[in-house]
Amino acid sequence: MNYIFDHAAQVVPDIAAAVTWYQDILPNTQVIYQDATWAFIEAGGAKLAFVVKDQHPGHLAWRVDSEELERLAEKHDKEIKPHRDGTRSFYLEAPGNQSIEIIAYPD
């Protein structure tokens, strides 16, 4: 099974301000998705998510296929949650009180 680094997510107080800041600093920033509580951008070949504190933790995300997502969720006794963009994922706590997201995109 391939584990592919997918994105990093940063908790920010203002989603729109974070997106604007990156667009000003890195002019080739592409907004993949944005609303008041979550944004997803691509800049310099990297994907970044901006999240609000009460909805998602800051995290690093690895992409797997749906079968591996199911296997890992069962192994770690985690509930898979669907997201507004069609992805499904769960979080694990890594050493140092860090969050890791295991994510699968629609097939």
C-alpha atoms as a PDB file:
ATOM      1  CA  MET A   1       0.000   0.000   0.000  1.00  0.00           C
ATOM      2  CA  ASN A   2       1.207   3.450  -0.880  1.00  0.00           C
ATOM      3  CA  TYR A   3       1.022   6.192   1.693  1.00  0.00           C
ATOM      4  CA  ILE A   4       1.304   9.522  -0.100  1.00  0.00           C
ATOM      5  CA  PHE A   5       1.808  12.791   1.740  1.00  0.00           C
ATOM      6  CA  ASP A   6      -1.316  14.827   0.992  1.00  0.00           C
ATOM      7  CA  HIS A   7      -1.315  18.097   2.943  1.00  0.00           C
ATOM      8  CA  ALA A   8      -0.501  20.035   6.076  1.00  0.00           C
ATOM      9  CA  ALA A   9      -3.258  21.832   7.984  1.00  0.00           C
ATOM     10  CA  GLN A  10      -2.804  24.911  10.105  1.00  0.00           C
ATOM     11  CA  VAL A  11      -5.273  26.288  12.643  1.00  0.00           C
ATOM     12  CA  VAL A  12      -5.849  29.990  11.903  1.00  0.00           C
ATOM     13  CA  PRO A  13      -8.189  32.584  13.449  1.00  0.00           C
ATOM     14  CA  ASP A  14      -9.401  33.913  10.076  1.00  0.00           C
ATOM     15  CA  ILE A  15      -9.632  31.643   7.019  1.00  0.00           C
ATOM     16  CA  ALA A  16     -10.010  34.453   4.462  1.00  0.00           C
ATOM     17  CA  ALA A  17      -7.060  36.391   5.894  1.00  0.00           C
ATOM     18  CA  ALA A  18      -4.831  33.302   5.729  1.00  0.00           C
ATOM     19  CA  VAL A  19      -5.753  32.653   2.089  1.00  0.00           C
ATOM     20  CA  THR A  20      -5.174  36.310   1.165  1.00  0.00           C
ATOM     21  CA  TRP A  21      -1.798  36.326   2.927  1.00  0.00           C
ATOM     22  CA  TYR A  22      -0.584  33.299   0.959  1.00  0.00           C
ATOM     23  CA  GLN A  23      -1.905  34.757  -2.299  1.00  0.00           C
ATOM     24  CA  ASP A  24       0.033  37.980  -1.598  1.00  0.00           C
ATOM     25  CA  ILE A  25       3.270  36.195  -0.667  1.00  0.00           C
ATOM     26  CA  LEU A  26       3.062  33.395  -3.262  1.00  0.00           C
ATOM     27  CA  PRO A  27       1.258  34.852  -6.306  1.00  0.00           C
ATOM     28  CA  ASN A  28       0.721  31.443  -7.957  1.00  0.00           C
ATOM     29  CA  THR A  29      -1.382  30.199  -5.028  1.00  0.00           C
ATOM     30  CA  GLN A  30      -4.473  28.360  -6.252  1.00  0.00           C
ATOM     31  CA  VAL A  31      -7.547  28.139  -4.037  1.00  0.00           C
ATOM     32  CA  ILE A  32      -8.956  24.612  -4.296  1.00  0.00           C
ATOM     33  CA  TYR A  33     -11.783  25.276  -1.819  1.00  0.00           C
ATOM     34  CA  GLN A  34     -12.710  28.036   0.614  1.00  0.00           C
ATOM     35  CA  ASP A  35     -15.538  28.822   3.000  1.00  0.00           C
ATOM     36  CA  ALA A  36     -15.748  30.568   6.379  1.00  0.00           C
ATOM     37  CA  THR A  37     -14.411  27.591   8.360  1.00  0.00           C
ATOM     38  CA  TRP A  38     -12.036  25.785   6.009  1.00  0.00           C
ATOM     39  CA  ALA A  39      -9.820  26.466   3.006  1.00  0.00           C
ATOM     40  CA  PHE A  40      -7.588  24.302   0.859  1.00  0.00           C
ATOM     41  CA  ILE A  41      -4.867  25.828  -1.307  1.00  0.00           C
ATOM     42  CA  GLU A  42      -1.991  24.674  -3.466  1.00  0.00           C
ATOM     43  CA  ALA A  43       1.177  26.755  -3.434  1.00  0.00           C
ATOM     44  CA  GLY A  44       4.573  25.840  -4.780  1.00  0.00           C
ATOM     45  CA  GLY A  45       3.569  22.217  -5.288  1.00  0.00           C
ATOM     46  CA  ALA A  46       2.326  21.795  -1.705  1.00  0.00           C
ATOM     47  CA  LYS A  47      -1.266  21.584  -0.489  1.00  0.00           C
ATOM     48  CA  LEU A  48      -2.174  23.493   2.666  1.00  0.00           C
ATOM     49  CA  ALA A  49      -5.430  23.486   4.588  1.00  0.00           C
ATOM     50  CA  PHE A  50      -6.511  26.286   6.888  1.00  0.00           C
ATOM     51  CA  VAL A  51      -8.907  25.224   9.621  1.00  0.00           C
ATOM     52  CA  VAL A  52     -10.643  26.809  12.590  1.00  0.00           C
ATOM     53  CA  LYS A  53      -9.822  25.506  16.046  1.00  0.00           C
ATOM     54  CA  ASP A  54     -13.209  23.987  16.865  1.00  0.00           C
ATOM     55  CA  GLN A  55     -13.544  21.881  13.698  1.00  0.00           C
ATOM     56  CA  HIS A  56     -10.173  20.264  12.942  1.00  0.00           C
ATOM     57  CA  PRO A  57      -6.805  20.075  14.652  1.00  0.00           C
ATOM     58  CA  GLY A  58      -3.644  21.229  12.949  1.00  0.00           C
ATOM     59  CA  HIS A  59      -2.255  18.094  11.303  1.00  0.00           C
ATOM     60  CA  LEU A  60      -0.259  16.319   8.624  1.00  0.00           C
ATOM     61  CA  ALA A  61      -2.270  14.145   6.246  1.00  0.00           C
ATOM     62  CA  TRP A  62      -1.392  10.975   4.384  1.00  0.00           C
ATOM     63  CA  ARG A  63      -3.501   9.715   1.498  1.00  0.00           C
ATOM     64  CA  VAL A  64      -4.436   6.048   1.185  1.00  0.00           C
ATOM     65  CA  ASP A  65      -6.995   4.176  -0.901  1.00  0.00           C
ATOM     66  CA  SER A  66     -10.452   3.390   0.510  1.00  0.00           C
ATOM     67  CA  GLU A  67      -9.596  -0.207   1.348  1.00  0.00           C
ATOM     68  CA  GLU A  68      -6.550   0.812   3.377  1.00  0.00           C
ATOM     69  CA  LEU A  69      -8.532   3.554   5.110  1.00  0.00           C
ATOM     70  CA  GLU A  70     -11.083   0.950   6.248  1.00  0.00           C
ATOM     71  CA  ARG A  71      -8.345  -1.441   7.394  1.00  0.00           C
ATOM     72  CA  LEU A  72      -6.496   1.197   9.386  1.00  0.00           C
ATOM     73  CA  ALA A  73      -9.666   2.591  10.970  1.00  0.00           C
ATOM     74  CA  GLU A  74     -10.584  -0.889  12.160  1.00  0.00           C
ATOM     75  CA  LYS A  75      -7.043  -1.547  13.408  1.00  0.00           C
ATOM     76  CA  HIS A  76      -7.009   1.689  15.431  1.00  0.00           C
ATOM     77  CA  ASP A  77     -10.702   1.524  16.440  1.00  0.00           C
ATOM     78  CA  LYS A  78     -11.477   4.849  14.735  1.00  0.00           C
ATOM     79  CA  GLU A  79     -14.635   6.123  13.106  1.00  0.00           C
ATOM     80  CA  ILE A  80     -14.245   7.263   9.507  1.00  0.00           C
ATOM     81  CA  LYS A  81     -15.862  10.646   8.921  1.00  0.00           C
ATOM     82  CA  PRO A  82     -17.022  12.001   5.555  1.00  0.00           C
ATOM     83  CA  HIS A  83     -16.032  15.539   4.540  1.00  0.00           C
ATOM     84  CA  ARG A  84     -17.753  18.168   2.407  1.00  0.00           C
ATOM     85  CA  ASP A  85     -15.346  17.587  -0.493  1.00  0.00           C
ATOM     86  CA  GLY A  86     -16.139  13.852  -0.731  1.00  0.00           C
ATOM     87  CA  THR A  87     -13.047  12.664   1.119  1.00  0.00           C
ATOM     88  CA  ARG A  88     -13.247  10.419   4.189  1.00  0.00           C
ATOM     89  CA  SER A  89     -10.740  10.314   7.018  1.00  0.00           C
ATOM     90  CA  PHE A  90      -9.874   9.812  10.654  1.00  0.00           C
ATOM     91  CA  TYR A  91      -7.242  11.258  12.969  1.00  0.00           C
ATOM     92  CA  LEU A  92      -4.552   9.582  15.039  1.00  0.00           C
ATOM     93  CA  GLU A  93      -2.506  11.110  17.834  1.00  0.00           C
ATOM     94  CA  ALA A  94       1.209  10.970  17.057  1.00  0.00           C
ATOM     95  CA  PRO A  95       4.086  11.438  19.508  1.00  0.00           C
ATOM     96  CA  GLY A  96       4.469  14.998  20.753  1.00  0.00           C
ATOM     97  CA  ASN A  97       0.696  15.582  20.868  1.00  0.00           C
ATOM     98  CA  GLN A  98       0.554  15.939  17.078  1.00  0.00           C
ATOM     99  CA  SER A  99      -2.407  14.921  14.915  1.00  0.00           C
ATOM    100  CA  ILE A 100      -2.102  12.767  11.813  1.00  0.00           C
ATOM    101  CA  GLU A 101      -4.961  12.467   9.344  1.00  0.00           C
ATOM    102  CA  ILE A 102      -5.388   9.324   7.252  1.00  0.00           C
ATOM    103  CA  ILE A 103      -7.479  10.332   4.229  1.00  0.00           C
ATOM    104  CA  ALA A 104      -9.017   8.664   1.182  1.00  0.00           C
ATOM    105  CA  TYR A 105     -10.404  10.487  -1.851  1.00  0.00           C
ATOM    106  CA  PRO A 106     -13.492   9.289  -3.718  1.00  0.00           C
ATOM    107  CA  ASP A 107     -12.691   6.415  -6.079  1.00  0.00           C
END
